Amino acid sequence: MSDVHLAPRVHDATAGSARLLLLHTGVRDVVSFRGSFEAAPDLGAADDVVQSLVANLLDKGTRTRDRFEIAEALEGRGAQVSFYSDGLRMGFAGRALRDDLADVIAILAEQLRTPALDADEVQKAVVRAIAGVRRSLESTGSQASGALARRLYGPAHPNYALAPEAELQAVEAVTPEAVRQYHADHVGSDGLTIAFVGDVDPEAVEAAVAASLGDWPPHGRSPVFDAEAAPEPPGRTVVEMADRRNLDVRLGHAVDLRRDSDDFLAAFAGVFALGGNFSGRLMQTVRDEQGLTYGIGASLGGPSVRHDGHLRVNVTLSQENLDRGIAATRAEVEAFVDEGVGEEALAATRTTLAGQHVVALATTAGVAARLLVNAERGFDVGYLDRYPDLVQALTTDEVTAAVRRHLRPADLHETIAGTLPES
């Protein structure tokens, strides 16, 4: 039986249109919180570019207080608040002393509802975003991953990655007016969910959220995105990069799998056994036995309850080992699917996955994050308690069947970033 017992202790409440998940723990005086809401971007119109900028600007002052006054108000209380963009949603995270929580929630509400979005700050955010794209041009890993995403998805899929040139154009085209309009049209209480964990007084938190966010109106929009992959025929993309003798390679294909699929956990465990950590098959063979790489792994990229994802195998190879390393990696993936998952490999995977789950719940911030993600997926709180037992109950037959159902070695795409060896 699992030692995780969250569900009986989580108080599920509402304040206005917000859903609150409240958990009192043994931590004294401190509360961590994490929340998100539906932003409803039109991904085909590259709304995610503007959305990311809006998220980065929410802590840069409000209509009544500049960024320095906001920072002083938070730092004077030893509190933290940050914001992020996450595909179809936007979110925030923070930490405050119990006695200051109502004041910090009020500051959070002010930042969400009435950000300044000054033209000077928008320009600074654009400059930072451009610098980030240019830094990614120097990363072989980033370029190989982006190339794979463009082979597997159309522009309106949440897992699609704009080509660097297109992303630069999109960022450079953003105006202060566009940022303000996006905030007006897409930042509201739709699907607002907040988890509070620590020295929580449920009644006080409910009252504070109701006072500051209870009348926050929804925007009422629906997201526009593609839920299914649209892969090209399997093939190779090379991103030539000068003076990069160590190359990053990505092998992958689209997977018709959602986070709430019946066999998701079995498929996830199977891919983890293939290359989730140092004990995975790819590390044991391509790295340790054959000595062809220092870094190799496999994962499921980007599946959610609302859209599918992909298998991704990543391997770093020298010029001398490029062809041999790719061939060896492909051979191991094929052999893994053919042979299935053995009991020893699955036992190690079960232990690791269950342990990772427990470790993620070791801090108030970690618990708040898990509660929020679980709620975003539409799962009941009890799933977090059941997860270790569900992992431990996986059988080799289940996992092997899921691996053979979803992994298709013949359909692997290949992307390479770096300096190719001379022919």
Foldseek 3Di string as FASTA:
>chain_A
DFPDDFQVAWDWDDFQLETETEGADPFAFKKKKKKKAFQQAQQLVVVVLLVFLLQVQLQQAFPVGGNVVLVCVQVVQVKDKGKGDDQRMIMMIMMGGPVCVLVVLLSVLRSLPTGPLDQVSSVVSLVVVLVVLVVLVVDLVSVQLQVVLVQKADRQASSHDDDSVVSNVVSVPDGSVNSVVSSVQGRWCHHMYMYMYYNDDPVVVSVSCNVRRNPTHHNPHHHHGDQEIDHDFAEEAEAEDPPFQKKKKKKKHWFPDAPPDPLPLLQQLLQCLCFVDCNHPCNVPLPVPVNFFPDKGWGWPDHYNRHTTMIIIMTIGGLVSVVVSVVVSLVSLVVCLVVFDDPVSLVVSLVVVLVVLVVLVPDSNSVNVVVRRCVVRVHRPCCSRCVSVVSVPDDRVSNSVSSNVTDDSVRMHMYMYYHHDDD
